[in-house]
Every structure is written in structure tokens, then in C-alpha cells.
Protein backbone atom coordinates (compact mmCIF):
# COMPACT_ATOMS: atom_id res chain seq x y z
CA MET A 1 17.34 12.33 -8.52
CA LYS A 2 16.57 10.74 -11.86
CA ILE A 3 15.11 7.24 -12.00
CA ILE A 4 13.89 5.10 -14.88
CA HIS A 5 10.66 3.10 -14.66
CA LEU A 6 10.12 0.15 -16.99
CA THR A 7 7.56 -2.61 -16.68
CA ASP A 8 6.32 -5.95 -18.00
CA PRO A 9 9.00 -7.07 -20.48
CA HIS A 10 7.46 -10.60 -20.55
CA TYR A 11 10.69 -12.28 -21.61
CA VAL A 12 10.73 -15.74 -23.18
CA PRO A 13 13.71 -18.04 -23.81
CA GLU A 14 16.11 -16.75 -26.44
CA GLY A 15 14.91 -17.55 -29.97
CA GLU A 16 11.23 -17.86 -28.99
CA THR A 17 8.43 -15.37 -29.60
CA LEU A 18 5.35 -14.13 -27.77
CA TYR A 19 2.26 -13.08 -29.76
CA GLY A 20 4.49 -13.23 -32.82
CA ARG A 21 7.18 -10.93 -31.44
CA ASP A 22 10.53 -11.33 -29.76
CA PRO A 23 10.12 -9.52 -26.42
CA SER A 24 13.85 -8.94 -26.14
CA VAL A 25 13.87 -6.50 -29.08
CA ALA A 26 12.14 -3.70 -27.19
CA LEU A 27 14.14 -4.10 -23.99
CA HIS A 28 17.41 -4.20 -25.93
CA LYS A 29 16.46 -0.90 -27.58
CA ALA A 30 15.34 0.55 -24.26
CA VAL A 31 18.68 -0.36 -22.69
CA GLN A 32 20.54 1.24 -25.58
CA ASP A 33 18.43 4.39 -25.34
CA ILE A 34 18.84 4.65 -21.57
CA ASN A 35 22.59 4.13 -21.83
CA LEU A 36 22.82 6.84 -24.49
CA HIS A 37 20.56 9.48 -22.94
CA HIS A 38 20.06 8.65 -19.24
CA ALA A 39 23.22 6.98 -17.99
CA ASP A 40 23.16 9.60 -15.22
CA ALA A 41 20.02 8.03 -13.72
CA GLU A 42 20.66 6.69 -10.22
CA LEU A 43 18.32 3.75 -10.56
CA ALA A 44 16.14 1.82 -13.01
CA VAL A 45 13.16 -0.12 -11.66
CA ILE A 46 11.27 -2.83 -13.57
CA THR A 47 7.93 -3.43 -11.87
CA GLY A 48 7.31 -7.09 -12.60
CA ASP A 49 6.26 -9.61 -15.22
CA LEU A 50 9.90 -9.94 -16.11
CA THR A 51 9.06 -13.15 -17.98
CA HIS A 52 5.91 -14.54 -19.55
CA TRP A 53 6.02 -18.19 -18.48
CA GLY A 54 8.62 -17.95 -15.73
CA GLU A 55 11.12 -20.45 -17.15
CA PRO A 56 14.76 -20.45 -16.01
CA ALA A 57 15.86 -19.88 -19.62
CA ALA A 58 13.70 -16.76 -19.86
CA PHE A 59 15.22 -15.30 -16.69
CA ALA A 60 18.70 -16.14 -17.98
CA HIS A 61 17.88 -14.38 -21.25
CA LEU A 62 16.71 -11.32 -19.31
CA ARG A 63 19.87 -11.35 -17.22
CA ARG A 64 22.03 -11.22 -20.34
CA THR A 65 20.11 -8.17 -21.56
CA LEU A 66 20.23 -6.31 -18.24
CA ASP A 67 23.95 -6.97 -17.90
CA ASN A 68 24.30 -4.30 -20.63
CA LEU A 69 22.38 -1.64 -18.70
CA ALA A 70 24.67 1.14 -17.47
CA VAL A 71 22.28 2.12 -14.66
CA PRO A 72 21.89 0.19 -11.38
CA TYR A 73 18.55 -1.60 -11.28
CA ARG A 74 15.97 -3.08 -8.93
CA LEU A 75 13.56 -5.77 -10.09
CA LEU A 76 10.12 -6.75 -8.87
CA ILE A 77 8.30 -9.91 -9.86
CA GLY A 78 4.82 -10.12 -11.34
CA ASN A 79 2.14 -12.74 -11.72
CA HIS A 80 3.89 -14.31 -14.75
CA ASP A 81 7.13 -14.85 -12.84
CA ASP A 82 8.49 -17.69 -10.72
CA ARG A 83 10.08 -16.44 -7.52
CA ALA A 84 12.61 -19.28 -7.13
CA PHE A 85 13.83 -19.10 -10.73
CA PHE A 86 14.04 -15.31 -10.38
CA PHE A 87 16.45 -15.59 -7.45
CA ASP A 88 18.45 -18.28 -9.25
CA ASN A 89 19.29 -15.73 -11.94
CA PHE A 90 19.28 -12.55 -9.84
CA PRO A 91 20.66 -13.67 -6.46
CA GLU A 92 21.86 -10.15 -5.64
CA GLN A 93 18.33 -8.73 -5.67
CA PRO A 94 17.16 -8.18 -2.06
CA ARG A 95 14.50 -10.24 -0.33
CA ASP A 96 12.80 -10.04 3.05
CA GLU A 97 13.10 -12.55 5.88
CA ASN A 98 10.29 -14.66 4.41
CA GLY A 99 11.86 -14.87 0.96
CA PHE A 100 9.61 -12.31 -0.73
CA VAL A 101 11.02 -9.81 -3.22
CA GLN A 102 10.65 -6.93 -0.79
CA SER A 103 13.20 -4.38 0.36
CA VAL A 104 13.91 -0.78 1.28
CA LEU A 105 16.43 1.49 -0.42
CA GLU A 106 17.37 4.77 1.23
CA THR A 107 18.05 7.50 -1.33
CA GLY A 108 18.73 11.21 -1.35
CA VAL A 109 15.06 11.96 -2.02
CA GLY A 110 13.47 9.51 0.40
CA SER A 111 12.85 5.86 1.19
CA PHE A 112 12.06 3.55 -1.73
CA VAL A 113 9.92 0.59 -0.63
CA PHE A 114 9.68 -2.35 -3.05
CA LEU A 115 6.79 -4.81 -2.63
CA ASP A 116 6.04 -8.37 -3.72
CA THR A 117 2.38 -8.97 -4.72
CA VAL A 118 2.71 -12.43 -6.32
CA LEU A 119 0.94 -15.65 -5.37
CA ALA A 120 1.83 -18.69 -7.49
CA GLY A 121 -1.09 -20.12 -9.42
CA THR A 122 -3.07 -16.92 -9.90
CA HIS A 123 -2.74 -13.75 -11.95
CA ALA A 124 -4.43 -11.70 -9.22
CA GLY A 125 -2.25 -9.80 -6.80
CA HIS A 126 -1.88 -11.02 -3.25
CA PHE A 127 -0.41 -9.43 -0.14
CA CYS A 128 -0.51 -12.04 2.59
CA GLU A 129 -0.32 -11.55 6.36
CA ASP A 130 3.46 -12.03 6.39
CA ARG A 131 3.92 -9.34 3.76
CA GLN A 132 1.45 -7.07 5.52
CA ALA A 133 3.35 -7.44 8.79
CA TRP A 134 6.62 -6.68 7.01
CA LEU A 135 5.21 -3.49 5.47
CA ILE A 136 3.67 -2.34 8.76
CA ASN A 137 7.03 -2.72 10.49
CA VAL A 138 8.94 -1.07 7.65
CA LEU A 139 6.67 1.97 7.49
CA ALA A 140 6.80 2.35 11.27
CA GLY A 141 10.59 2.14 11.32
CA LEU A 142 11.53 4.36 8.39
CA LYS A 143 13.45 7.51 9.11
CA PRO A 144 11.41 10.73 8.78
CA GLY A 145 10.96 11.90 5.21
CA PRO A 146 9.28 11.05 1.94
CA VAL A 147 8.39 7.50 0.91
CA PHE A 148 8.04 6.07 -2.61
CA LEU A 149 6.25 2.75 -3.21
CA PHE A 150 6.92 0.30 -6.04
CA MET A 151 4.73 -2.76 -6.74
CA HIS A 152 3.41 -4.84 -9.63
CA HIS A 153 -0.35 -4.96 -9.02
CA PRO A 154 -2.21 -1.69 -8.45
CA PRO A 155 -3.97 -1.64 -5.06
CA PHE A 156 -7.12 -0.08 -6.54
CA ASP A 157 -9.52 -0.62 -9.47
CA VAL A 158 -8.83 1.34 -12.64
CA GLY A 159 -12.03 0.80 -14.63
CA LEU A 160 -10.64 -1.85 -17.00
CA ARG A 161 -12.81 -4.79 -15.93
CA PRO A 162 -10.53 -7.67 -17.04
CA MET A 163 -7.57 -6.08 -15.26
CA ASP A 164 -9.54 -5.14 -12.16
CA ARG A 165 -10.46 -8.81 -11.77
CA ILE A 166 -6.77 -9.62 -11.43
CA GLY A 167 -5.77 -6.61 -9.37
CA LEU A 168 -4.70 -6.78 -5.75
CA PHE A 169 -6.94 -9.14 -3.80
CA GLN A 170 -6.42 -7.66 -0.32
CA LYS A 171 -7.28 -4.09 -1.30
CA GLN A 172 -8.93 -3.20 2.00
CA ASP A 173 -6.10 -4.61 4.13
CA PHE A 174 -3.52 -2.80 2.04
CA ARG A 175 -5.50 0.44 2.23
CA GLU A 176 -5.62 0.29 6.02
CA ILE A 177 -1.84 -0.20 6.20
CA ILE A 178 -1.12 2.70 3.86
CA ARG A 179 -3.71 5.22 5.02
CA PRO A 180 -1.87 6.38 8.21
CA HIS A 181 1.24 7.09 6.10
CA SER A 182 -0.41 8.56 3.02
CA MET A 183 0.71 12.13 3.72
CA ARG A 184 4.38 11.16 3.46
CA ILE A 185 4.09 8.84 0.43
CA ARG A 186 5.02 11.02 -2.52
CA HIS A 187 4.39 8.54 -5.32
CA LEU A 188 3.28 4.99 -6.07
CA PHE A 189 4.80 3.31 -9.14
CA PHE A 190 3.21 0.10 -10.41
CA GLY A 191 2.97 -2.18 -13.46
CA HIS A 192 0.61 -4.94 -14.59
CA LEU A 193 -1.83 -2.81 -16.61
CA HIS A 194 0.15 -2.45 -19.87
CA ARG A 195 -1.37 1.05 -20.14
CA PRO A 196 -0.21 4.62 -19.46
CA VAL A 197 -2.29 5.45 -16.38
CA GLY A 198 -1.92 8.20 -13.81
CA GLY A 199 -3.99 9.60 -10.99
CA SER A 200 -4.15 9.47 -7.22
CA TRP A 201 -5.23 7.03 -4.52
CA LEU A 202 -5.75 8.07 -0.90
CA GLY A 203 -4.25 11.36 -2.03
CA ILE A 204 -1.08 9.58 -3.22
CA PRO A 205 0.00 10.32 -6.81
CA THR A 206 0.23 7.11 -8.86
CA SER A 207 1.50 6.14 -12.29
CA THR A 208 2.27 3.29 -14.63
CA ILE A 209 3.33 3.05 -18.26
CA ARG A 210 2.97 0.92 -21.35
CA ALA A 211 4.70 -2.45 -21.30
CA LEU A 212 7.62 -3.45 -23.48
CA ASN A 213 6.24 -6.24 -25.70
CA HIS A 214 2.45 -5.86 -25.92
CA GLN A 215 -0.29 -3.67 -24.49
CA VAL A 216 -3.80 -3.89 -23.10
CA TRP A 217 -6.03 -1.92 -25.46
CA PHE A 218 -8.06 0.84 -23.80
CA ASP A 219 -11.68 -0.36 -23.63
CA LEU A 220 -13.80 0.38 -20.56
CA GLU A 221 -16.60 -1.89 -21.83
CA ALA A 222 -14.63 -5.06 -22.62
CA ASP A 223 -15.11 -8.17 -20.48
CA SER A 224 -12.36 -10.12 -22.23
CA LEU A 225 -8.79 -8.89 -22.31
CA PRO A 226 -8.08 -6.86 -25.50
CA GLY A 227 -4.47 -6.68 -26.64
CA SER A 228 -2.60 -4.32 -28.95
CA PHE A 229 0.84 -3.50 -30.28
CA GLU A 230 0.86 0.13 -29.26
CA PRO A 231 4.45 1.32 -28.96
CA PRO A 232 6.42 0.44 -25.83
CA ALA A 233 7.61 3.12 -23.44
CA TYR A 234 9.66 3.76 -20.37
CA ALA A 235 9.32 6.62 -17.89
CA VAL A 236 11.93 9.07 -16.67
CA ALA A 237 11.10 10.40 -13.20
CA LEU A 238 12.80 13.58 -11.99
CA ILE A 239 12.48 13.94 -8.24
CA ASP A 240 13.50 16.75 -5.90
CA ASP A 241 12.22 18.27 -2.67
CA GLU A 242 9.47 20.23 -4.41
CA LYS A 243 8.20 17.99 -7.20
CA VAL A 244 8.00 14.63 -8.93
CA VAL A 245 7.95 14.97 -12.72
CA ILE A 246 7.36 11.87 -14.84
CA HIS A 247 8.10 11.84 -18.57
CA THR A 248 6.80 8.96 -20.67
CA HIS A 249 9.22 8.22 -23.50
CA ASP A 250 8.13 6.28 -26.61
CA PHE A 251 11.71 5.31 -27.29
CA MET A 252 10.93 3.29 -30.44
CA ASP A 253 8.87 6.02 -32.10
CA ASP A 254 10.05 6.45 -35.68
CA SER A 255 8.00 9.49 -36.65
CA GLU A 256 9.74 12.45 -38.25
CA LYS A 257 11.67 14.67 -35.84
CA PHE A 258 12.17 18.39 -36.55
CA THR A 259 12.93 21.69 -34.86
CA LEU A 260 9.98 23.72 -33.66
CA SER A 261 10.00 27.51 -33.44
CA GLU A 262 11.85 28.69 -30.38
CA SER A 263 8.98 30.97 -29.44
CA PRO A 264 5.28 30.84 -30.37
CA TRP A 265 5.56 34.56 -31.04
CA ASP A 266 7.95 33.90 -33.96
CA ASP A 267 5.25 32.28 -36.09
CA TRP A 268 2.64 34.77 -34.89
CA SER A 269 4.72 37.80 -35.74
CA ARG A 270 5.59 36.49 -39.21
CA ARG A 271 1.98 35.68 -39.94
CA PHE A 272 0.57 39.02 -38.88
CA ALA A 273 3.47 41.34 -39.63
CA HIS A 274 2.59 44.41 -41.68
CA PRO A 275 4.12 44.57 -45.18
């Protein structure tokens, strides 16, 4: 199975800018690139912060862009989004019985579980008792096999102090829910950080990627939030029974492209060949 992971487009109403840029430019180019090279993907997932201020016009603008995507998609919300306005523009996106943007998708490689970590009025992630109960029941009721988690806020600290302060608030509660199932969770995809970050948590492989409009600059000593315009990226995940391979693609990179030697021995043999 091939899936596409994008995150944090931070859309604004059409014609407006954010930090001096039009956020729609990068997502438009990502959609074009995915349609050209990865139209065979079975799913694209955007892990939250779909908009920057959460206005209806921003969600409508995003909808117009995603209507051009050739790949089916699932959306999560982030701390910059408004849940009600999200559903106004994406009514087909699943929700749980409490109205949270949470759902399960059964696929050929396992169960995809999508989580909602948003609490209005704060940028920190929250996973309330209702959402915890939902996840406990879902994990207990899933058919045997691998599980993949998708969420906006990471459930652990990453060493970037400004981002850790607005990470998931109920880390311990979430950990206790996940721990009994950690052996069957093959990967955790998340957003929020605006950084390419990978590792493991409770033995679960984890990853996120750079955002689409702007990034958080890598600085382990900063107390304020440093931004940058490092290039945007999306990830292509190739999943089968034996492995999960994640490629990060800087789709707007304009550096020179050329053909490398087919074998490292070609250059070696030419360099050291006897006259």
C-alpha cells in the first residue's frame, strides 16, 4: 500500500497571505506533483492545521484545492482549526459519536485509526475522557492485525521547548491507553512540529514532516518559537507485511537534477584503470 502524508497547510482565505506568503501555492504544487507521480496511492492524509485562523473562507479555499487531488484523502484538524467550520466544508469526513474528528479505516495493511487532539482556545493538544473512552473501545474491538495511528499533536516531548509546551496535555493518560497495544502498532504519523522528525515511542516507530507554508527552525535552546522558510515536503509511505518505508519528498526543490553513475564501480574503475 502506498499512502501520502502531508501536514499543516495553514490555509487562509483566497487572496490573503500568511507571513508574507500565499499558503495555497505549496499545496497546489503538492497536489499537482502527487497527481503526476503518485496517483496510484490509496490514500492521502493531512494531519491537521488545515487552516491558520479557522475561518469558513479558509476551509472553502482548501476544499477547492483538494477537489483537484486524484487520491482519496482523510483530514485531521489541528489547534489552528475550527471543528464546526471544518465539517461545514468537509461534511463527508467521518466523526465519532461525540462529534470529534475520529474514525477507523480498515485497509489491506491494517487498521488506520485517526484521532482528534484539538481543544478550542488553546494550541496545546488535548485528549479528553470522551476521546480516551472512544480509543479504548476502538483498540479493544479492532480485528487482529497491525494498527497505524494518525494524530496532530505528538504524544511525547521532542526536545523543542516551545513545541513541547503545546504538545499533548494528557501524555500519561494517552500512554497508558496505548501501551497494552504497542506491539501491534506499526507506525504513528503526526503533524504540528513543522519539522522532519522520526524516532520511536514505546517501541512504536513515529514520523512527521515539514509543513507546507512555513517551518519551525531547528533550535534545541530556543524558548521562543523560531520560524523559517525551509522547503515544504510531503511523505510517501510504502507499507507491506514486512516493512514501512517513508520517503520525504521536497517536491518544490529546484536544484539541478542529473543522472548519477549506475554503479559506484564505474567511477572507481575509470579512475584507477591502468593505461
